[in-house]
Amino acid sequence: MGMFNWVDHRAPCRRCQYELTSKNWQTKDSVRPLWCEVVPLFEVENLYALCPQCGAWNQYTVQKHVTEVHNHGVNFGVVEVVKTIKYTLIRDEEEERRINADLDAAKKKP
């Protein structure tokens, strides 16, 4: 059993603009077991990545906004509902600064 899941998301590193992908983004709060699976963005509340190029910590909280709900009726005894969800990624800049300062200090130690 793994300790995290990968997140299917692409975004640039906040420090060097390197494109972070599902090979970089991780989460510990998926609705699935933490088995190092790739999970979609809509299943997580927090995601984070350590940039492989510059070593910067990138961290986001996902806010979900349901904008539309469509009831498509019953199909084989199951009610089909389609939701339109918009996402807002919120950076915790203070937490990122603190973690990056710790990482930079650790790199300078002999």
PDB file of N, CA and C in Angstrom:
ATOM      1  N   MET A   1       0.836  -1.178   0.000  1.00  0.00           N
ATOM      2  CA  MET A   1       0.000   0.000   0.000  1.00  0.00           C
ATOM      3  C   MET A   1       0.884   1.245   0.000  1.00  0.00           C
ATOM      4  N   GLY A   2       0.565   2.225  -0.856  1.00  0.00           N
ATOM      5  CA  GLY A   2       1.329   3.455  -0.934  1.00  0.00           C
ATOM      6  C   GLY A   2       0.948   4.417   0.178  1.00  0.00           C
ATOM      7  N   MET A   3       1.569   5.568   0.151  1.00  0.00           N
ATOM      8  CA  MET A   3       1.284   6.577   1.171  1.00  0.00           C
ATOM      9  C   MET A   3       0.650   7.829   0.568  1.00  0.00           C
ATOM     10  N   PHE A   4       0.427   7.840  -0.731  1.00  0.00           N
ATOM     11  CA  PHE A   4      -0.161   8.985  -1.408  1.00  0.00           C
ATOM     12  C   PHE A   4      -0.709   8.534  -2.752  1.00  0.00           C
ATOM     13  N   ASN A   5      -1.438   9.417  -3.417  1.00  0.00           N
ATOM     14  CA  ASN A   5      -1.857   9.207  -4.801  1.00  0.00           C
ATOM     15  C   ASN A   5      -1.299  10.350  -5.638  1.00  0.00           C
ATOM     16  N   TRP A   6      -1.071  10.089  -6.907  1.00  0.00           N
ATOM     17  CA  TRP A   6      -0.672  11.116  -7.860  1.00  0.00           C
ATOM     18  C   TRP A   6      -1.933  11.836  -8.313  1.00  0.00           C
ATOM     19  N   VAL A   7      -1.815  13.109  -8.694  1.00  0.00           N
ATOM     20  CA  VAL A   7      -2.974  13.884  -9.144  1.00  0.00           C
ATOM     21  C   VAL A   7      -2.809  14.244 -10.618  1.00  0.00           C
ATOM     22  N   ASP A   8      -3.844  13.952 -11.403  1.00  0.00           N
ATOM     23  CA  ASP A   8      -3.844  14.262 -12.832  1.00  0.00           C
ATOM     24  C   ASP A   8      -4.072  15.761 -13.005  1.00  0.00           C
ATOM     25  N   HIS A   9      -2.977  16.511 -13.015  1.00  0.00           N
ATOM     26  CA  HIS A   9      -3.057  17.967 -13.106  1.00  0.00           C
ATOM     27  C   HIS A   9      -1.773  18.490 -13.723  1.00  0.00           C
ATOM     28  N   ARG A  10      -1.887  19.565 -14.481  1.00  0.00           N
ATOM     29  CA  ARG A  10      -0.718  20.240 -15.063  1.00  0.00           C
ATOM     30  C   ARG A  10      -0.748  21.696 -14.633  1.00  0.00           C
ATOM     31  N   ALA A  11       0.375  22.176 -14.138  1.00  0.00           N
ATOM     32  CA  ALA A  11       0.505  23.587 -13.762  1.00  0.00           C
ATOM     33  C   ALA A  11       1.988  23.909 -13.675  1.00  0.00           C
ATOM     34  N   PRO A  12       2.357  25.162 -13.960  1.00  0.00           N
ATOM     35  CA  PRO A  12       3.775  25.519 -13.876  1.00  0.00           C
ATOM     36  C   PRO A  12       4.239  25.680 -12.432  1.00  0.00           C
ATOM     37  N   CYS A  13       5.509  25.407 -12.207  1.00  0.00           N
ATOM     38  CA  CYS A  13       6.116  25.663 -10.897  1.00  0.00           C
ATOM     39  C   CYS A  13       6.035  27.157 -10.634  1.00  0.00           C
ATOM     40  N   ARG A  14       5.725  27.535  -9.432  1.00  0.00           N
ATOM     41  CA  ARG A  14       5.573  28.954  -9.112  1.00  0.00           C
ATOM     42  C   ARG A  14       6.895  29.700  -9.133  1.00  0.00           C
ATOM     43  N   ARG A  15       8.011  28.977  -9.023  1.00  0.00           N
ATOM     44  CA  ARG A  15       9.319  29.639  -9.000  1.00  0.00           C
ATOM     45  C   ARG A  15       9.979  29.673 -10.376  1.00  0.00           C
ATOM     46  N   CYS A  16      10.044  28.532 -11.076  1.00  0.00           N
ATOM     47  CA  CYS A  16      10.823  28.471 -12.322  1.00  0.00           C
ATOM     48  C   CYS A  16       9.967  28.212 -13.567  1.00  0.00           C
ATOM     49  N   GLN A  17       8.652  28.029 -13.415  1.00  0.00           N
ATOM     50  CA  GLN A  17       7.712  27.804 -14.514  1.00  0.00           C
ATOM     51  C   GLN A  17       7.847  26.432 -15.182  1.00  0.00           C
ATOM     52  N   TYR A  18       8.629  25.518 -14.616  1.00  0.00           N
ATOM     53  CA  TYR A  18       8.715  24.142 -15.121  1.00  0.00           C
ATOM     54  C   TYR A  18       7.318  23.533 -15.045  1.00  0.00           C
ATOM     55  N   GLU A  19       6.897  22.816 -16.089  1.00  0.00           N
ATOM     56  CA  GLU A  19       5.548  22.240 -16.091  1.00  0.00           C
ATOM     57  C   GLU A  19       5.484  21.001 -15.204  1.00  0.00           C
ATOM     58  N   LEU A  20       4.735  21.116 -14.118  1.00  0.00           N
ATOM     59  CA  LEU A  20       4.510  19.995 -13.205  1.00  0.00           C
ATOM     60  C   LEU A  20       3.318  19.199 -13.718  1.00  0.00           C
ATOM     61  N   THR A  21       3.428  17.872 -13.730  1.00  0.00           N
ATOM     62  CA  THR A  21       2.387  16.997 -14.275  1.00  0.00           C
ATOM     63  C   THR A  21       1.981  15.964 -13.227  1.00  0.00           C
ATOM     64  N   SER A  22       1.214  14.976 -13.657  1.00  0.00           N
ATOM     65  CA  SER A  22       0.782  13.919 -12.731  1.00  0.00           C
ATOM     66  C   SER A  22       1.960  13.094 -12.217  1.00  0.00           C
ATOM     67  N   LYS A  23       3.150  13.267 -12.798  1.00  0.00           N
ATOM     68  CA  LYS A  23       4.345  12.606 -12.271  1.00  0.00           C
ATOM     69  C   LYS A  23       4.915  13.381 -11.083  1.00  0.00           C
ATOM     70  N   ASN A  24       4.389  14.594 -10.832  1.00  0.00           N
ATOM     71  CA  ASN A  24       4.883  15.444  -9.747  1.00  0.00           C
ATOM     72  C   ASN A  24       3.844  15.702  -8.657  1.00  0.00           C
ATOM     73  N   TRP A  25       2.591  15.958  -9.047  1.00  0.00           N
ATOM     74  CA  TRP A  25       1.551  16.329  -8.072  1.00  0.00           C
ATOM     75  C   TRP A  25       1.115  15.129  -7.246  1.00  0.00           C
ATOM     76  N   GLN A  26       1.062  15.313  -5.931  1.00  0.00           N
ATOM     77  CA  GLN A  26       0.645  14.252  -5.013  1.00  0.00           C
ATOM     78  C   GLN A  26      -0.458  14.758  -4.093  1.00  0.00           C
ATOM     79  N   THR A  27      -1.183  13.816  -3.482  1.00  0.00           N
ATOM     80  CA  THR A  27      -2.190  14.134  -2.475  1.00  0.00           C
ATOM     81  C   THR A  27      -2.273  12.991  -1.481  1.00  0.00           C
ATOM     82  N   LYS A  28      -2.731  13.323  -0.302  1.00  0.00           N
ATOM     83  CA  LYS A  28      -3.001  12.301   0.708  1.00  0.00           C
ATOM     84  C   LYS A  28      -4.496  12.259   1.037  1.00  0.00           C
ATOM     85  N   ASP A  29      -5.301  13.069   0.353  1.00  0.00           N
ATOM     86  CA  ASP A  29      -6.719  13.113   0.699  1.00  0.00           C
ATOM     87  C   ASP A  29      -7.625  12.795  -0.483  1.00  0.00           C
ATOM     88  N   SER A  30      -7.424  11.654  -1.048  1.00  0.00           N
ATOM     89  CA  SER A  30      -8.272  11.183  -2.132  1.00  0.00           C
ATOM     90  C   SER A  30      -9.383  10.314  -1.555  1.00  0.00           C
ATOM     91  N   VAL A  31     -10.489  10.179  -2.312  1.00  0.00           N
ATOM     92  CA  VAL A  31     -11.553   9.273  -1.877  1.00  0.00           C
ATOM     93  C   VAL A  31     -11.142   7.818  -2.099  1.00  0.00           C
ATOM     94  N   ARG A  32     -10.076   7.605  -2.845  1.00  0.00           N
ATOM     95  CA  ARG A  32      -9.558   6.249  -3.103  1.00  0.00           C
ATOM     96  C   ARG A  32      -8.485   5.891  -2.076  1.00  0.00           C
ATOM     97  N   PRO A  33      -8.187   4.619  -1.936  1.00  0.00           N
ATOM     98  CA  PRO A  33      -7.060   4.235  -1.074  1.00  0.00           C
ATOM     99  C   PRO A  33      -5.760   4.840  -1.599  1.00  0.00           C
ATOM    100  N   LEU A  34      -4.822   5.085  -0.726  1.00  0.00           N
ATOM    101  CA  LEU A  34      -3.540   5.691  -1.102  1.00  0.00           C
ATOM    102  C   LEU A  34      -2.603   4.614  -1.635  1.00  0.00           C
ATOM    103  N   TRP A  35      -2.793   4.280  -2.918  1.00  0.00           N
ATOM    104  CA  TRP A  35      -2.027   3.211  -3.558  1.00  0.00           C
ATOM    105  C   TRP A  35      -1.166   3.709  -4.698  1.00  0.00           C
ATOM    106  N   CYS A  36      -0.767   4.977  -4.653  1.00  0.00           N
ATOM    107  CA  CYS A  36       0.050   5.570  -5.723  1.00  0.00           C
ATOM    108  C   CYS A  36      -0.641   5.487  -7.077  1.00  0.00           C
ATOM    109  N   GLU A  37      -1.951   5.644  -7.071  1.00  0.00           N
ATOM    110  CA  GLU A  37      -2.733   5.696  -8.306  1.00  0.00           C
ATOM    111  C   GLU A  37      -2.799   7.141  -8.786  1.00  0.00           C
ATOM    112  N   VAL A  38      -3.065   7.336 -10.075  1.00  0.00           N
ATOM    113  CA  VAL A  38      -3.325   8.667 -10.597  1.00  0.00           C
ATOM    114  C   VAL A  38      -4.823   8.930 -10.436  1.00  0.00           C
ATOM    115  N   VAL A  39      -5.166  10.002  -9.707  1.00  0.00           N
ATOM    116  CA  VAL A  39      -6.564  10.339  -9.460  1.00  0.00           C
ATOM    117  C   VAL A  39      -6.886  11.682 -10.107  1.00  0.00           C
ATOM    118  N   PRO A  40      -8.149  11.889 -10.499  1.00  0.00           N
ATOM    119  CA  PRO A  40      -8.520  13.172 -11.104  1.00  0.00           C
ATOM    120  C   PRO A  40      -8.560  14.293 -10.069  1.00  0.00           C
ATOM    121  N   LEU A  41      -8.381  15.508 -10.543  1.00  0.00           N
ATOM    122  CA  LEU A  41      -8.362  16.680  -9.668  1.00  0.00           C
ATOM    123  C   LEU A  41      -9.624  16.803  -8.831  1.00  0.00           C
ATOM    124  N   PHE A  42     -10.794  16.438  -9.401  1.00  0.00           N
ATOM    125  CA  PHE A  42     -12.046  16.629  -8.666  1.00  0.00           C
ATOM    126  C   PHE A  42     -12.180  15.724  -7.445  1.00  0.00           C
ATOM    127  N   GLU A  43     -11.298  14.742  -7.286  1.00  0.00           N
ATOM    128  CA  GLU A  43     -11.380  13.851  -6.129  1.00  0.00           C
ATOM    129  C   GLU A  43     -10.530  14.314  -4.952  1.00  0.00           C
ATOM    130  N   VAL A  44      -9.787  15.401  -5.083  1.00  0.00           N
ATOM    131  CA  VAL A  44      -8.875  15.804  -4.012  1.00  0.00           C
ATOM    132  C   VAL A  44      -9.225  17.179  -3.465  1.00  0.00           C
ATOM    133  N   GLU A  45      -8.744  17.465  -2.267  1.00  0.00           N
ATOM    134  CA  GLU A  45      -8.915  18.782  -1.662  1.00  0.00           C
ATOM    135  C   GLU A  45      -7.597  19.539  -1.599  1.00  0.00           C
ATOM    136  N   ASN A  46      -6.488  18.821  -1.532  1.00  0.00           N
ATOM    137  CA  ASN A  46      -5.172  19.444  -1.464  1.00  0.00           C
ATOM    138  C   ASN A  46      -4.221  18.683  -2.370  1.00  0.00           C
ATOM    139  N   LEU A  47      -3.294  19.413  -3.000  1.00  0.00           N
ATOM    140  CA  LEU A  47      -2.268  18.768  -3.800  1.00  0.00           C
ATOM    141  C   LEU A  47      -0.974  19.551  -3.639  1.00  0.00           C
ATOM    142  N   TYR A  48       0.129  18.864  -3.817  1.00  0.00           N
ATOM    143  CA  TYR A  48       1.433  19.478  -3.609  1.00  0.00           C
ATOM    144  C   TYR A  48       2.443  18.801  -4.511  1.00  0.00           C
ATOM    145  N   ALA A  49       3.512  19.541  -4.822  1.00  0.00           N
ATOM    146  CA  ALA A  49       4.578  18.995  -5.662  1.00  0.00           C
ATOM    147  C   ALA A  49       5.892  19.679  -5.295  1.00  0.00           C
ATOM    148  N   LEU A  50       6.958  18.913  -5.334  1.00  0.00           N
ATOM    149  CA  LEU A  50       8.304  19.441  -5.197  1.00  0.00           C
ATOM    150  C   LEU A  50       8.868  19.496  -6.614  1.00  0.00           C
ATOM    151  N   CYS A  51       9.204  20.690  -7.081  1.00  0.00           N
ATOM    152  CA  CYS A  51       9.660  20.846  -8.461  1.00  0.00           C
ATOM    153  C   CYS A  51      10.991  20.123  -8.664  1.00  0.00           C
ATOM    154  N   PRO A  52      11.083  19.233  -9.652  1.00  0.00           N
ATOM    155  CA  PRO A  52      12.330  18.506  -9.885  1.00  0.00           C
ATOM    156  C   PRO A  52      13.419  19.387 -10.504  1.00  0.00           C
ATOM    157  N   GLN A  53      13.034  20.534 -11.032  1.00  0.00           N
ATOM    158  CA  GLN A  53      14.018  21.406 -11.670  1.00  0.00           C
ATOM    159  C   GLN A  53      14.671  22.376 -10.678  1.00  0.00           C
ATOM    160  N   CYS A  54      13.864  23.063  -9.855  1.00  0.00           N
ATOM    161  CA  CYS A  54      14.438  24.071  -8.951  1.00  0.00           C
ATOM    162  C   CYS A  54      14.294  23.721  -7.474  1.00  0.00           C
ATOM    163  N   GLY A  55      13.506  22.681  -7.160  1.00  0.00           N
ATOM    164  CA  GLY A  55      13.341  22.249  -5.774  1.00  0.00           C
ATOM    165  C   GLY A  55      12.306  23.028  -4.982  1.00  0.00           C
ATOM    166  N   ALA A  56      11.503  23.871  -5.646  1.00  0.00           N
ATOM    167  CA  ALA A  56      10.488  24.666  -4.942  1.00  0.00           C
ATOM    168  C   ALA A  56       9.279  23.806  -4.580  1.00  0.00           C
ATOM    169  N   TRP A  57       8.707  24.088  -3.424  1.00  0.00           N
ATOM    170  CA  TRP A  57       7.488  23.431  -2.950  1.00  0.00           C
ATOM    171  C   TRP A  57       6.293  24.180  -3.525  1.00  0.00           C
ATOM    172  N   ASN A  58       5.369  23.473  -4.157  1.00  0.00           N
ATOM    173  CA  ASN A  58       4.147  24.041  -4.716  1.00  0.00           C
ATOM    174  C   ASN A  58       2.975  23.353  -4.035  1.00  0.00           C
ATOM    175  N   GLN A  59       2.029  24.132  -3.515  1.00  0.00           N
ATOM    176  CA  GLN A  59       0.923  23.549  -2.756  1.00  0.00           C
ATOM    177  C   GLN A  59      -0.359  24.307  -3.060  1.00  0.00           C
ATOM    178  N   TYR A  60      -1.446  23.572  -3.283  1.00  0.00           N
ATOM    179  CA  TYR A  60      -2.735  24.180  -3.592  1.00  0.00           C
ATOM    180  C   TYR A  60      -3.847  23.498  -2.802  1.00  0.00           C
ATOM    181  N   THR A  61      -4.887  24.273  -2.503  1.00  0.00           N
ATOM    182  CA  THR A  61      -6.146  23.763  -1.986  1.00  0.00           C
ATOM    183  C   THR A  61      -7.148  23.909  -3.119  1.00  0.00           C
ATOM    184  N   VAL A  62      -7.960  22.889  -3.342  1.00  0.00           N
ATOM    185  CA  VAL A  62      -8.927  22.895  -4.435  1.00  0.00           C
ATOM    186  C   VAL A  62     -10.291  23.288  -3.886  1.00  0.00           C
ATOM    187  N   GLN A  63     -10.845  24.373  -4.413  1.00  0.00           N
ATOM    188  CA  GLN A  63     -12.215  24.743  -4.086  1.00  0.00           C
ATOM    189  C   GLN A  63     -13.089  24.339  -5.252  1.00  0.00           C
ATOM    190  N   LYS A  64     -14.161  23.624  -4.956  1.00  0.00           N
ATOM    191  CA  LYS A  64     -15.065  23.139  -6.003  1.00  0.00           C
ATOM    192  C   LYS A  64     -16.358  23.943  -5.953  1.00  0.00           C
ATOM    193  N   HIS A  65     -16.843  24.342  -7.116  1.00  0.00           N
ATOM    194  CA  HIS A  65     -18.080  25.095  -7.220  1.00  0.00           C
ATOM    195  C   HIS A  65     -19.001  24.356  -8.192  1.00  0.00           C
ATOM    196  N   VAL A  66     -20.089  23.793  -7.677  1.00  0.00           N
ATOM    197  CA  VAL A  66     -21.051  23.129  -8.555  1.00  0.00           C
ATOM    198  C   VAL A  66     -21.884  24.231  -9.195  1.00  0.00           C
ATOM    199  N   THR A  67     -21.818  24.324 -10.519  1.00  0.00           N
ATOM    200  CA  THR A  67     -22.520  25.405 -11.218  1.00  0.00           C
ATOM    201  C   THR A  67     -23.828  24.958 -11.844  1.00  0.00           C
ATOM    202  N   GLU A  68     -23.938  23.695 -12.220  1.00  0.00           N
ATOM    203  CA  GLU A  68     -25.168  23.186 -12.834  1.00  0.00           C
ATOM    204  C   GLU A  68     -25.356  21.716 -12.452  1.00  0.00           C
ATOM    205  N   VAL A  69     -26.589  21.329 -12.260  1.00  0.00           N
ATOM    206  CA  VAL A  69     -26.902  19.918 -12.029  1.00  0.00           C
ATOM    207  C   VAL A  69     -27.983  19.532 -13.030  1.00  0.00           C
ATOM    208  N   HIS A  70     -27.739  18.493 -13.786  1.00  0.00           N
ATOM    209  CA  HIS A  70     -28.689  18.024 -14.799  1.00  0.00           C
ATOM    210  C   HIS A  70     -29.120  16.611 -14.436  1.00  0.00           C
ATOM    211  N   ASN A  71     -30.401  16.388 -14.319  1.00  0.00           N
ATOM    212  CA  ASN A  71     -30.929  15.059 -14.069  1.00  0.00           C
ATOM    213  C   ASN A  71     -31.255  14.441 -15.425  1.00  0.00           C
ATOM    214  N   HIS A  72     -30.561  13.367 -15.758  1.00  0.00           N
ATOM    215  CA  HIS A  72     -30.739  12.731 -17.057  1.00  0.00           C
ATOM    216  C   HIS A  72     -31.690  11.546 -17.017  1.00  0.00           C
ATOM    217  N   GLY A  73     -32.411  11.383 -15.927  1.00  0.00           N
ATOM    218  CA  GLY A  73     -33.392  10.315 -15.863  1.00  0.00           C
ATOM    219  C   GLY A  73     -32.828   9.025 -15.289  1.00  0.00           C
ATOM    220  N   VAL A  74     -33.569   7.961 -15.475  1.00  0.00           N
ATOM    221  CA  VAL A  74     -33.200   6.666 -14.913  1.00  0.00           C
ATOM    222  C   VAL A  74     -32.737   5.752 -16.035  1.00  0.00           C
ATOM    223  N   ASN A  75     -31.601   5.108 -15.848  1.00  0.00           N
ATOM    224  CA  ASN A  75     -31.051   4.191 -16.838  1.00  0.00           C
ATOM    225  C   ASN A  75     -30.647   2.916 -16.110  1.00  0.00           C
ATOM    226  N   PHE A  76     -31.300   1.809 -16.395  1.00  0.00           N
ATOM    227  CA  PHE A  76     -31.033   0.522 -15.740  1.00  0.00           C
ATOM    228  C   PHE A  76     -31.167   0.632 -14.221  1.00  0.00           C
ATOM    229  N   GLY A  77     -32.177   1.389 -13.778  1.00  0.00           N
ATOM    230  CA  GLY A  77     -32.435   1.499 -12.346  1.00  0.00           C
ATOM    231  C   GLY A  77     -31.529   2.468 -11.617  1.00  0.00           C
ATOM    232  N   VAL A  78     -30.676   3.181 -12.340  1.00  0.00           N
ATOM    233  CA  VAL A  78     -29.760   4.131 -11.709  1.00  0.00           C
ATOM    234  C   VAL A  78     -30.132   5.541 -12.166  1.00  0.00           C
ATOM    235  N   VAL A  79     -30.269   6.454 -11.205  1.00  0.00           N
ATOM    236  CA  VAL A  79     -30.554   7.839 -11.545  1.00  0.00           C
ATOM    237  C   VAL A  79     -29.260   8.474 -12.041  1.00  0.00           C
ATOM    238  N   GLU A  80     -29.312   9.008 -13.247  1.00  0.00           N
ATOM    239  CA  GLU A  80     -28.124   9.640 -13.815  1.00  0.00           C
ATOM    240  C   GLU A  80     -28.177  11.150 -13.574  1.00  0.00           C
ATOM    241  N   VAL A  81     -27.172  11.654 -12.902  1.00  0.00           N
ATOM    242  CA  VAL A  81     -27.066  13.077 -12.628  1.00  0.00           C
ATOM    243  C   VAL A  81     -25.701  13.533 -13.115  1.00  0.00           C
ATOM    244  N   VAL A  82     -25.693  14.598 -13.873  1.00  0.00           N
ATOM    245  CA  VAL A  82     -24.438  15.164 -14.363  1.00  0.00           C
ATOM    246  C   VAL A  82     -24.253  16.519 -13.705  1.00  0.00           C
ATOM    247  N   LYS A  83     -23.076  16.751 -13.119  1.00  0.00           N
ATOM    248  CA  LYS A  83     -22.776  18.026 -12.481  1.00  0.00           C
ATOM    249  C   LYS A  83     -21.709  18.747 -13.288  1.00  0.00           C
ATOM    250  N   THR A  84     -21.852  20.034 -13.390  1.00  0.00           N
ATOM    251  CA  THR A  84     -20.795  20.862 -13.949  1.00  0.00           C
ATOM    252  C   THR A  84     -20.079  21.484 -12.764  1.00  0.00           C
ATOM    253  N   ILE A  85     -18.804  21.214 -12.643  1.00  0.00           N
ATOM    254  CA  ILE A  85     -18.038  21.688 -11.492  1.00  0.00           C
ATOM    255  C   ILE A  85     -16.885  22.551 -11.992  1.00  0.00           C
ATOM    256  N   LYS A  86     -16.739  23.718 -11.392  1.00  0.00           N
ATOM    257  CA  LYS A  86     -15.595  24.582 -11.681  1.00  0.00           C
ATOM    258  C   LYS A  86     -14.656  24.513 -10.489  1.00  0.00           C
ATOM    259  N   TYR A  87     -13.369  24.635 -10.768  1.00  0.00           N
ATOM    260  CA  TYR A  87     -12.356  24.510  -9.723  1.00  0.00           C
ATOM    261  C   TYR A  87     -11.594  25.812  -9.573  1.00  0.00           C
ATOM    262  N   THR A  88     -11.260  26.136  -8.344  1.00  0.00           N
ATOM    263  CA  THR A  88     -10.365  27.241  -8.055  1.00  0.00           C
ATOM    264  C   THR A  88      -9.218  26.660  -7.246  1.00  0.00           C
ATOM    265  N   LEU A  89      -7.992  26.885  -7.712  1.00  0.00           N
ATOM    266  CA  LEU A  89      -6.826  26.417  -6.975  1.00  0.00           C
ATOM    267  C   LEU A  89      -6.294  27.584  -6.152  1.00  0.00           C
ATOM    268  N   ILE A  90      -6.188  27.390  -4.849  1.00  0.00           N
ATOM    269  CA  ILE A  90      -5.748  28.445  -3.948  1.00  0.00           C
ATOM    270  C   ILE A  90      -4.375  28.084  -3.393  1.00  0.00           C
ATOM    271  N   ARG A  91      -3.420  28.979  -3.617  1.00  0.00           N
ATOM    272  CA  ARG A  91      -2.071  28.756  -3.098  1.00  0.00           C
ATOM    273  C   ARG A  91      -1.983  29.235  -1.664  1.00  0.00           C
ATOM    274  N   ASP A  92      -1.351  28.443  -0.829  1.00  0.00           N
ATOM    275  CA  ASP A  92      -1.056  28.862   0.536  1.00  0.00           C
ATOM    276  C   ASP A  92       0.362  29.429   0.502  1.00  0.00           C
ATOM    277  N   GLU A  93       0.479  30.711   0.134  1.00  0.00           N
ATOM    278  CA  GLU A  93       1.784  31.327  -0.089  1.00  0.00           C
ATOM    279  C   GLU A  93       2.637  31.359   1.175  1.00  0.00           C
ATOM    280  N   GLU A  94       2.023  31.587   2.319  1.00  0.00           N
ATOM    281  CA  GLU A  94       2.784  31.629   3.572  1.00  0.00           C
ATOM    282  C   GLU A  94       3.395  30.258   3.878  1.00  0.00           C
ATOM    283  N   GLU A  95       2.596  29.213   3.715  1.00  0.00           N
ATOM    284  CA  GLU A  95       3.090  27.845   3.951  1.00  0.00           C
ATOM    285  C   GLU A  95       4.178  27.491   2.939  1.00  0.00           C
ATOM    286  N   GLU A  96       4.001  27.872   1.675  1.00  0.00           N
ATOM    287  CA  GLU A  96       5.022  27.613   0.656  1.00  0.00           C
ATOM    288  C   GLU A  96       6.333  28.310   1.009  1.00  0.00           C
ATOM    289  N   ARG A  97       6.247  29.576   1.439  1.00  0.00           N
ATOM    290  CA  ARG A  97       7.469  30.318   1.811  1.00  0.00           C
ATOM    291  C   ARG A  97       8.198  29.631   2.962  1.00  0.00           C
ATOM    292  N   ARG A  98       7.430  29.201   3.966  1.00  0.00           N
ATOM    293  CA  ARG A  98       8.033  28.548   5.133  1.00  0.00           C
ATOM    294  C   ARG A  98       8.738  27.254   4.721  1.00  0.00           C
ATOM    295  N   ILE A  99       8.053  26.429   3.939  1.00  0.00           N
ATOM    296  CA  ILE A  99       8.635  25.151   3.517  1.00  0.00           C
ATOM    297  C   ILE A  99       9.843  25.385   2.612  1.00  0.00           C
ATOM    298  N   ASN A 100       9.736  26.341   1.673  1.00  0.00           N
ATOM    299  CA  ASN A 100      10.860  26.614   0.780  1.00  0.00           C
ATOM    300  C   ASN A 100      12.060  27.174   1.531  1.00  0.00           C
ATOM    301  N   ALA A 101      11.827  27.985   2.571  1.00  0.00           N
ATOM    302  CA  ALA A 101      12.939  28.481   3.395  1.00  0.00           C
ATOM    303  C   ALA A 101      13.631  27.327   4.100  1.00  0.00           C
ATOM    304  N   ASP A 102      12.842  26.374   4.612  1.00  0.00           N
ATOM    305  CA  ASP A 102      13.433  25.186   5.253  1.00  0.00           C
ATOM    306  C   ASP A 102      14.217  24.354   4.251  1.00  0.00           C
ATOM    307  N   LEU A 103      13.666  24.173   3.042  1.00  0.00           N
ATOM    308  CA  LEU A 103      14.368  23.399   2.018  1.00  0.00           C
ATOM    309  C   LEU A 103      15.674  24.078   1.585  1.00  0.00           C
ATOM    310  N   ASP A 104      15.633  25.414   1.412  1.00  0.00           N
ATOM    311  CA  ASP A 104      16.841  26.149   1.025  1.00  0.00           C
ATOM    312  C   ASP A 104      17.905  26.080   2.113  1.00  0.00           C
ATOM    313  N   ALA A 105      17.476  26.189   3.378  1.00  0.00           N
ATOM    314  CA  ALA A 105      18.424  26.104   4.494  1.00  0.00           C
ATOM    315  C   ALA A 105      19.065  24.727   4.564  1.00  0.00           C
ATOM    316  N   ALA A 106      18.262  23.688   4.317  1.00  0.00           N
ATOM    317  CA  ALA A 106      18.803  22.319   4.345  1.00  0.00           C
ATOM    318  C   ALA A 106      19.810  22.090   3.237  1.00  0.00           C
ATOM    319  N   LYS A 107      19.623  22.730   2.086  1.00  0.00           N
ATOM    320  CA  LYS A 107      20.574  22.585   0.965  1.00  0.00           C
ATOM    321  C   LYS A 107      21.914  23.232   1.278  1.00  0.00           C
ATOM    322  N   LYS A 108      21.908  24.299   2.090  1.00  0.00           N
ATOM    323  CA  LYS A 108      23.142  25.038   2.405  1.00  0.00           C
ATOM    324  C   LYS A 108      23.984  24.358   3.481  1.00  0.00           C
ATOM    325  N   LYS A 109      23.373  23.475   4.271  1.00  0.00           N
ATOM    326  CA  LYS A 109      24.132  22.784   5.334  1.00  0.00           C
ATOM    327  C   LYS A 109      25.102  21.792   4.705  1.00  0.00           C
ATOM    328  N   PRO A 110      26.331  21.713   5.264  1.00  0.00           N
ATOM    329  CA  PRO A 110      27.322  20.758   4.724  1.00  0.00           C
ATOM    330  C   PRO A 110      26.984  19.327   5.029  1.00  0.00           C
TER     331      PRO A 110
END
